Amino acid sequence: MQEEIGVRGAQVAAQTLNPDVAIVLEGTTAHDLPNPTEEPDD
């Protein structure tokens, strides 16, 4: 899906598949880890 530029993929999928329900999952990076350890640079 092209969320950042207009949600075009969702519109095409919804019109093509005509679903009764949809489950939407969204993810992102986490920046709230307590005391993260740095990995050594190789």
C-alpha atoms as a PDB file:
ATOM      1  CA  MET A   1       0.000   0.000   0.000  1.00  0.00           C
ATOM      2  CA  GLN A   2       1.229   3.496  -0.720  1.00  0.00           C
ATOM      3  CA  GLU A   3       0.179   5.176   2.515  1.00  0.00           C
ATOM      4  CA  GLU A   4       2.582   8.066   2.312  1.00  0.00           C
ATOM      5  CA  ILE A   5       1.386   9.182  -1.129  1.00  0.00           C
ATOM      6  CA  GLY A   6      -2.379   8.842  -1.032  1.00  0.00           C
ATOM      7  CA  VAL A   7      -3.362   5.334   0.168  1.00  0.00           C
ATOM      8  CA  ARG A   8      -3.784   4.245  -3.455  1.00  0.00           C
ATOM      9  CA  GLY A   9      -3.145   0.559  -2.785  1.00  0.00           C
ATOM     10  CA  ALA A  10      -5.894   0.343  -0.171  1.00  0.00           C
ATOM     11  CA  GLN A  11      -8.445   1.899  -2.496  1.00  0.00           C
ATOM     12  CA  VAL A  12      -7.643  -0.508  -5.334  1.00  0.00           C
ATOM     13  CA  ALA A  13      -7.706  -3.525  -3.001  1.00  0.00           C
ATOM     14  CA  ALA A  14     -11.012  -2.486  -1.432  1.00  0.00           C
ATOM     15  CA  GLN A  15     -12.701  -1.966  -4.790  1.00  0.00           C
ATOM     16  CA  THR A  16     -11.280  -5.154  -6.310  1.00  0.00           C
ATOM     17  CA  LEU A  17     -11.793  -7.535  -3.386  1.00  0.00           C
ATOM     18  CA  ASN A  18     -14.918  -5.945  -1.870  1.00  0.00           C
ATOM     19  CA  PRO A  19     -14.190  -7.292   1.642  1.00  0.00           C
ATOM     20  CA  ASP A  20     -16.728  -7.382   4.484  1.00  0.00           C
ATOM     21  CA  VAL A  21     -14.052  -6.520   7.057  1.00  0.00           C
ATOM     22  CA  ALA A  22     -10.421  -5.460   7.056  1.00  0.00           C
ATOM     23  CA  ILE A  23      -7.629  -5.898   9.593  1.00  0.00           C
ATOM     24  CA  VAL A  24      -5.031  -3.153   9.447  1.00  0.00           C
ATOM     25  CA  LEU A  25      -1.582  -3.533  10.995  1.00  0.00           C
ATOM     26  CA  GLU A  26       0.917  -0.729  11.164  1.00  0.00           C
ATOM     27  CA  GLY A  27       4.431  -0.802  12.496  1.00  0.00           C
ATOM     28  CA  THR A  28       7.293   1.528  13.149  1.00  0.00           C
ATOM     29  CA  THR A  29      10.668   1.517  14.837  1.00  0.00           C
ATOM     30  CA  ALA A  30      10.857   1.641  18.637  1.00  0.00           C
ATOM     31  CA  HIS A  31      12.974   4.318  20.265  1.00  0.00           C
ATOM     32  CA  ASP A  32      11.946   3.663  23.857  1.00  0.00           C
ATOM     33  CA  LEU A  33      14.268   0.818  24.853  1.00  0.00           C
ATOM     34  CA  PRO A  34      15.699   1.239  28.367  1.00  0.00           C
ATOM     35  CA  ASN A  35      19.514   1.392  28.441  1.00  0.00           C
ATOM     36  CA  PRO A  36      20.218   0.136  24.921  1.00  0.00           C
ATOM     37  CA  THR A  37      23.705  -1.201  24.381  1.00  0.00           C
ATOM     38  CA  GLU A  38      25.616   0.041  21.403  1.00  0.00           C
ATOM     39  CA  GLU A  39      26.903  -2.512  18.935  1.00  0.00           C
ATOM     40  CA  PRO A  40      30.597  -2.252  18.111  1.00  0.00           C
ATOM     41  CA  ASP A  41      31.502  -0.874  14.695  1.00  0.00           C
ATOM     42  CA  ASP A  42      33.252  -3.486  12.584  1.00  0.00           C
END
